[in-house]
Amino acid sequence: MDTFREEHQESLTATCRLLGRSRQVYYRRIRSHREYRQKATAVVAMVNTVRMEQPRIGTRKLYHLLKEDLKRINVGRDRLFAILRANHMLVRPKRSYHITTDSHHRFRKHGNTVKGLSIHRPEQVWVSDITYVGNRKNPMYLALVTDAYSKKIVGYDLSDSLSLPGSYRALKMASNGRTTEHPLIHHSDRGLQYCSDGYQALLAKNKIKSSMTEAYDPYENAVAERVNGILKQEFLLSSDNLDLKTMKRLVSNSVRIYNNKRPHYSCHYLTPQQMHGQQEITMRTYKSQKLNGTMAVELN
């Protein structure tokens, strides 16, 4: 054994000399490669733990959630991106579109009262929208009411119909959970559900002012559109062929995780629940040229 080891060392020395490299450099590279693999394995395990609950959460938010653990093994944001890229774990955005708005109806359409409005507290503006989360075999529609300041989902309902009851139940949940009596605006598109007598009566009963987009443009209700996309893309709500009862449980769990665990850039990486519990922080916003003076849109 000793003879074999000596022959191996001599052979290695000769090879290194031939390549113009020292044995120390050779062993240093081996050690560095081994340490990198160990770090990468640890990082992948951390990411998989988070993605068990948030399957498609992006790398920047992963870095925020795992920052302290990553710091202990000397992994920064760029290294995190590199490891996830090497392991094919970067999230690519998905695009899907289904029309859920019917604005051709007899009911009154309200004006846009959030145009140019500065949003600075929770329960100042709620935004509502309906998104398609089913498939051709099991069409389902998720009605959401979201606080524009905190991005907290304050009301939701999943049903197999685009009719009024789903949106009505989501608004009723939001109204029942309201914690202040400050003036509140409800902003939505001009869909039949939101313009209907029953929906408007519930708004009036809770002293909530109605505001609506002036034309179909997703930028006019961008907060609601963004939250729809997060639930569908990051929580995979449209990827399984599930029955309505099972899907309702999945939606409820996804909303709970979204509200309490998912950080938002616009909330300075607070969760929606944390942001909703205070009103001192100014939310981050940007204005798209397409907005043309309408409500500032949040970065995710």
Protein backbone atom coordinates (compact mmCIF):
# COMPACT_ATOMS: atom_id res chain seq x y z
CA MET A 1 0.00 0.00 0.00
CA ASP A 2 2.81 2.41 0.92
CA THR A 3 4.58 1.60 -2.34
CA PHE A 4 1.40 2.29 -4.31
CA ARG A 5 0.91 5.60 -2.51
CA GLU A 6 4.48 6.66 -3.19
CA GLU A 7 4.14 5.75 -6.87
CA HIS A 8 0.89 7.72 -7.06
CA GLN A 9 2.49 10.78 -5.45
CA GLU A 10 5.45 10.59 -7.82
CA SER A 11 3.11 10.25 -10.79
CA LEU A 12 1.01 13.19 -9.59
CA THR A 13 4.14 15.30 -9.06
CA ALA A 14 5.37 14.53 -12.55
CA THR A 15 1.95 15.34 -14.09
CA CYS A 16 1.72 18.65 -12.23
CA ARG A 17 5.26 19.55 -13.31
CA LEU A 18 4.36 18.73 -16.91
CA LEU A 19 1.29 20.99 -16.73
CA GLY A 20 3.17 23.76 -14.98
CA ARG A 21 1.13 23.46 -11.77
CA SER A 22 2.12 22.62 -8.20
CA ARG A 23 0.56 19.83 -6.15
CA GLN A 24 -0.64 22.44 -3.66
CA VAL A 25 -2.68 24.16 -6.37
CA TYR A 26 -4.09 20.82 -7.47
CA TYR A 27 -5.24 19.88 -3.97
CA ARG A 28 -6.55 23.38 -3.34
CA ARG A 29 -8.77 23.10 -6.39
CA ILE A 30 -10.07 19.72 -5.29
CA ARG A 31 -10.81 21.08 -1.82
CA SER A 32 -12.51 24.18 -3.26
CA HIS A 33 -14.67 22.08 -5.58
CA ARG A 34 -15.68 19.79 -2.72
CA GLU A 35 -16.64 22.78 -0.52
CA TYR A 36 -18.68 24.29 -3.35
CA ARG A 37 -20.59 21.04 -3.84
CA GLN A 38 -21.29 20.83 -0.12
CA LYS A 39 -22.59 24.42 -0.08
CA ALA A 40 -24.70 23.80 -3.17
CA THR A 41 -26.23 20.69 -1.60
CA ALA A 42 -27.08 22.65 1.56
CA VAL A 43 -28.59 25.52 -0.45
CA VAL A 44 -30.75 23.19 -2.56
CA ALA A 45 -32.06 21.57 0.63
CA MET A 46 -32.95 25.00 2.09
CA VAL A 47 -34.74 26.06 -1.09
CA ASN A 48 -36.68 22.80 -1.32
CA THR A 49 -37.91 23.32 2.25
CA VAL A 50 -39.35 26.74 1.35
CA ARG A 51 -40.76 25.53 -1.96
CA MET A 52 -42.69 22.76 -0.29
CA GLU A 53 -45.13 25.52 0.71
CA GLN A 54 -44.39 28.09 -2.01
CA PRO A 55 -43.55 25.97 -5.08
CA ARG A 56 -42.56 28.77 -7.48
CA ILE A 57 -41.33 31.53 -5.21
CA GLY A 58 -38.64 33.59 -6.93
CA THR A 59 -34.93 33.70 -6.10
CA ARG A 60 -34.87 37.25 -4.69
CA LYS A 61 -37.55 36.39 -2.16
CA LEU A 62 -35.81 33.12 -1.39
CA TYR A 63 -32.66 35.09 -0.64
CA HIS A 64 -34.58 37.36 1.73
CA LEU A 65 -36.18 34.40 3.56
CA LEU A 66 -32.93 32.41 3.79
CA LYS A 67 -30.52 35.32 4.21
CA GLU A 68 -29.30 34.45 7.72
CA ASP A 69 -28.85 30.74 6.94
CA LEU A 70 -27.03 31.56 3.70
CA LYS A 71 -24.78 34.03 5.47
CA ARG A 72 -23.61 31.29 7.85
CA ILE A 73 -22.26 29.27 4.92
CA ASN A 74 -20.96 32.36 3.09
CA VAL A 75 -23.45 32.29 0.21
CA GLY A 76 -24.56 35.66 -1.17
CA ARG A 77 -27.34 36.50 -3.60
CA ASP A 78 -25.21 36.05 -6.74
CA ARG A 79 -23.98 32.66 -5.52
CA LEU A 80 -27.59 31.66 -4.76
CA PHE A 81 -28.62 32.54 -8.32
CA ALA A 82 -25.65 30.57 -9.69
CA ILE A 83 -26.48 27.47 -7.64
CA LEU A 84 -30.14 27.52 -8.60
CA ARG A 85 -29.25 28.10 -12.25
CA ALA A 86 -26.83 25.16 -12.22
CA ASN A 87 -29.53 22.95 -10.70
CA HIS A 88 -32.25 24.16 -13.11
CA MET A 89 -34.23 25.64 -10.22
CA LEU A 90 -34.73 29.21 -11.45
CA VAL A 91 -38.40 30.05 -11.90
CA ARG A 92 -39.57 31.06 -15.36
CA PRO A 93 -42.76 33.16 -15.45
CA LYS A 94 -45.84 31.56 -16.96
CA ARG A 95 -48.37 33.50 -18.95
CA SER A 96 -52.02 32.53 -19.23
CA TYR A 97 -55.11 34.55 -19.95
CA HIS A 98 -58.82 33.88 -19.62
CA ILE A 99 -61.55 36.47 -19.95
CA THR A 100 -63.58 36.69 -16.74
CA THR A 101 -65.05 40.18 -17.22
CA ASP A 102 -68.43 40.86 -18.82
CA SER A 103 -68.88 44.63 -18.94
CA HIS A 104 -71.82 44.54 -21.38
CA HIS A 105 -74.75 44.76 -18.99
CA ARG A 106 -77.52 47.10 -17.84
CA PHE A 107 -76.08 47.94 -14.41
CA ARG A 108 -74.49 51.27 -13.50
CA LYS A 109 -70.74 51.56 -14.04
CA HIS A 110 -68.96 53.74 -11.46
CA GLY A 111 -66.08 56.11 -12.15
CA ASN A 112 -62.45 55.59 -11.23
CA THR A 113 -61.95 57.36 -7.87
CA VAL A 114 -58.47 55.96 -7.16
CA LYS A 115 -56.89 57.77 -10.11
CA GLY A 116 -53.86 59.66 -8.80
CA LEU A 117 -54.57 58.50 -5.24
CA SER A 118 -51.63 58.07 -2.85
CA ILE A 119 -52.16 54.91 -0.81
CA HIS A 120 -50.61 55.20 2.64
CA ARG A 121 -52.52 52.89 5.02
CA PRO A 122 -54.38 49.57 5.22
CA GLU A 123 -58.13 49.59 4.64
CA GLN A 124 -57.89 52.64 2.41
CA VAL A 125 -58.38 50.84 -0.92
CA TRP A 126 -59.48 47.28 -1.59
CA VAL A 127 -59.07 45.84 -5.07
CA SER A 128 -61.19 42.98 -6.36
CA ASP A 129 -60.85 40.65 -9.29
CA ILE A 130 -61.78 37.17 -10.48
CA THR A 131 -59.25 34.75 -11.92
CA TYR A 132 -59.64 31.41 -13.66
CA VAL A 133 -57.88 28.58 -11.80
CA GLY A 134 -59.52 25.44 -13.18
CA ASN A 135 -59.30 23.57 -16.45
CA ARG A 136 -61.67 22.50 -19.22
CA LYS A 137 -62.88 19.51 -17.25
CA ASN A 138 -63.33 21.42 -13.97
CA PRO A 139 -63.69 25.18 -14.61
CA MET A 140 -63.25 27.15 -11.37
CA TYR A 141 -63.10 30.83 -10.57
CA LEU A 142 -61.33 32.47 -7.65
CA ALA A 143 -62.75 35.78 -6.44
CA LEU A 144 -60.28 37.87 -4.42
CA VAL A 145 -60.45 41.06 -2.38
CA THR A 146 -56.97 42.43 -1.64
CA ASP A 147 -55.83 45.40 0.42
CA ALA A 148 -53.92 47.67 -1.97
CA TYR A 149 -51.54 48.96 0.72
CA SER A 150 -50.52 45.72 2.44
CA LYS A 151 -51.28 43.27 -0.42
CA LYS A 152 -53.09 41.12 2.14
CA ILE A 153 -55.90 38.99 0.75
CA VAL A 154 -58.78 40.00 3.01
CA GLY A 155 -61.54 38.04 1.26
CA TYR A 156 -61.72 35.16 -1.18
CA ASP A 157 -64.08 32.54 -2.57
CA LEU A 158 -63.70 29.67 -5.01
CA SER A 159 -66.67 28.52 -7.06
CA ASP A 160 -67.45 26.78 -10.33
CA SER A 161 -69.37 29.77 -11.69
CA LEU A 162 -68.71 33.36 -12.72
CA SER A 163 -72.07 34.45 -11.30
CA LEU A 164 -72.50 36.92 -8.43
CA PRO A 165 -72.43 34.62 -5.32
CA GLY A 166 -68.66 33.93 -5.42
CA SER A 167 -67.69 37.61 -5.56
CA TYR A 168 -70.37 38.46 -3.00
CA ARG A 169 -69.02 35.88 -0.52
CA ALA A 170 -65.45 37.19 -0.98
CA LEU A 171 -66.60 40.75 -0.23
CA LYS A 172 -68.63 39.58 2.76
CA MET A 173 -65.57 37.82 4.21
CA ALA A 174 -63.49 40.96 3.72
CA SER A 175 -66.15 43.18 5.31
CA ASN A 176 -66.54 40.88 8.31
CA GLY A 177 -62.79 41.04 8.94
CA ARG A 178 -62.53 44.82 8.69
CA THR A 179 -60.76 46.34 11.71
CA THR A 180 -61.21 50.11 11.23
CA GLU A 181 -63.94 52.56 10.30
CA HIS A 182 -61.69 54.71 8.10
CA PRO A 183 -63.07 55.70 4.68
CA LEU A 184 -62.63 52.75 2.32
CA ILE A 185 -62.76 52.50 -1.48
CA HIS A 186 -63.50 49.27 -3.35
CA HIS A 187 -61.84 49.24 -6.80
CA SER A 188 -62.66 46.68 -9.50
CA ASP A 189 -63.25 46.27 -13.20
CA ARG A 190 -66.70 46.89 -14.71
CA GLY A 191 -67.74 43.27 -14.57
CA LEU A 192 -71.37 42.27 -14.09
CA GLN A 193 -70.61 40.83 -10.66
CA TYR A 194 -69.32 44.13 -9.25
CA CYS A 195 -71.94 46.35 -10.87
CA SER A 196 -74.89 44.19 -9.82
CA ASP A 197 -77.49 45.50 -7.39
CA GLY A 198 -76.65 42.87 -4.77
CA TYR A 199 -72.92 43.61 -4.75
CA GLN A 200 -73.43 47.37 -4.67
CA ALA A 201 -75.94 46.98 -1.83
CA LEU A 202 -73.34 45.10 0.24
CA LEU A 203 -70.79 47.86 -0.40
CA ALA A 204 -73.32 50.49 0.66
CA LYS A 205 -74.26 48.52 3.77
CA ASN A 206 -70.61 48.54 4.87
CA LYS A 207 -70.10 52.20 3.89
CA ILE A 208 -67.58 51.33 1.18
CA LYS A 209 -67.29 53.60 -1.86
CA SER A 210 -67.26 51.96 -5.29
CA SER A 211 -64.56 52.70 -7.88
CA MET A 212 -64.13 51.03 -11.27
CA THR A 213 -61.72 50.97 -14.18
CA GLU A 214 -62.69 53.27 -17.01
CA ALA A 215 -61.65 50.86 -19.76
CA TYR A 216 -60.42 47.29 -19.85
CA ASP A 217 -56.75 47.73 -19.13
CA PRO A 218 -54.99 45.46 -16.58
CA TYR A 219 -52.82 48.42 -15.53
CA GLU A 220 -55.93 50.09 -14.11
CA ASN A 221 -56.34 47.25 -11.63
CA ALA A 222 -52.72 46.15 -11.48
CA VAL A 223 -52.59 45.22 -7.78
CA ALA A 224 -55.41 42.72 -8.18
CA GLU A 225 -53.92 41.35 -11.40
CA ARG A 226 -50.54 40.88 -9.71
CA VAL A 227 -51.96 39.01 -6.70
CA ASN A 228 -53.93 36.77 -9.08
CA GLY A 229 -50.70 35.93 -10.87
CA ILE A 230 -48.82 35.17 -7.65
CA LEU A 231 -51.41 32.67 -6.45
CA LYS A 232 -51.68 30.95 -9.83
CA GLN A 233 -48.00 30.89 -10.74
CA GLU A 234 -46.23 30.51 -7.40
CA PHE A 235 -48.78 28.25 -5.70
CA LEU A 236 -49.66 26.22 -8.82
CA LEU A 237 -53.40 26.68 -8.37
CA SER A 238 -54.13 25.95 -12.02
CA SER A 239 -51.86 22.93 -12.47
CA ASP A 240 -53.92 20.05 -11.04
CA ASN A 241 -57.13 18.34 -12.10
CA LEU A 242 -58.80 18.55 -8.68
CA ASP A 243 -62.43 18.59 -7.62
CA LEU A 244 -63.96 21.76 -6.15
CA LYS A 245 -63.86 20.59 -2.52
CA THR A 246 -60.16 19.69 -2.68
CA MET A 247 -59.34 22.87 -4.57
CA LYS A 248 -61.05 24.96 -1.89
CA ARG A 249 -58.75 23.47 0.74
CA LEU A 250 -55.73 24.15 -1.47
CA VAL A 251 -56.80 27.77 -2.02
CA SER A 252 -57.37 28.31 1.70
CA ASN A 253 -53.91 26.97 2.53
CA SER A 254 -52.28 29.00 -0.25
CA VAL A 255 -53.91 32.23 0.94
CA ARG A 256 -52.75 31.52 4.51
CA ILE A 257 -49.15 30.99 3.37
CA TYR A 258 -49.27 33.99 1.03
CA ASN A 259 -50.56 36.33 3.75
CA ASN A 260 -48.26 35.14 6.53
CA LYS A 261 -45.05 33.89 4.90
CA ARG A 262 -44.49 35.41 1.46
CA PRO A 263 -42.49 38.69 1.52
CA HIS A 264 -43.36 41.50 -0.90
CA TYR A 265 -40.84 43.89 -2.39
CA SER A 266 -43.42 46.69 -2.28
CA CYS A 267 -43.83 46.01 1.46
CA HIS A 268 -40.06 46.28 2.02
CA TYR A 269 -39.99 42.47 2.22
CA LEU A 270 -42.56 42.31 4.99
CA THR A 271 -45.32 39.75 4.61
CA PRO A 272 -48.81 41.12 3.81
CA GLN A 273 -49.93 40.36 7.37
CA GLN A 274 -46.98 42.27 8.85
CA MET A 275 -47.57 45.20 6.50
CA HIS A 276 -51.28 45.21 7.32
CA GLY A 277 -50.57 45.51 11.04
CA GLN A 278 -48.98 48.97 10.75
CA GLN A 279 -49.28 52.12 8.66
CA GLU A 280 -45.96 53.91 9.15
CA ILE A 281 -44.13 52.31 6.22
CA THR A 282 -44.50 53.88 2.78
CA MET A 283 -45.04 51.15 0.23
CA ARG A 284 -42.73 51.05 -2.75
CA THR A 285 -44.39 51.96 -6.02
CA TYR A 286 -43.61 52.73 -9.59
CA LYS A 287 -45.67 54.30 -12.32
CA SER A 288 -45.87 52.80 -15.75
CA GLN A 289 -46.26 55.10 -18.72
CA LYS A 290 -49.38 53.11 -19.55
CA LEU A 291 -50.96 54.16 -16.26
CA ASN A 292 -51.36 57.74 -17.47
CA GLY A 293 -51.86 59.12 -13.98
CA THR A 294 -53.86 56.27 -12.44
CA MET A 295 -53.16 54.59 -9.13
CA ALA A 296 -49.48 53.73 -8.64
CA VAL A 297 -48.73 50.05 -9.21
CA GLU A 298 -46.84 48.01 -6.66
CA LEU A 299 -43.68 46.11 -7.40
CA ASN A 300 -44.02 42.51 -6.30
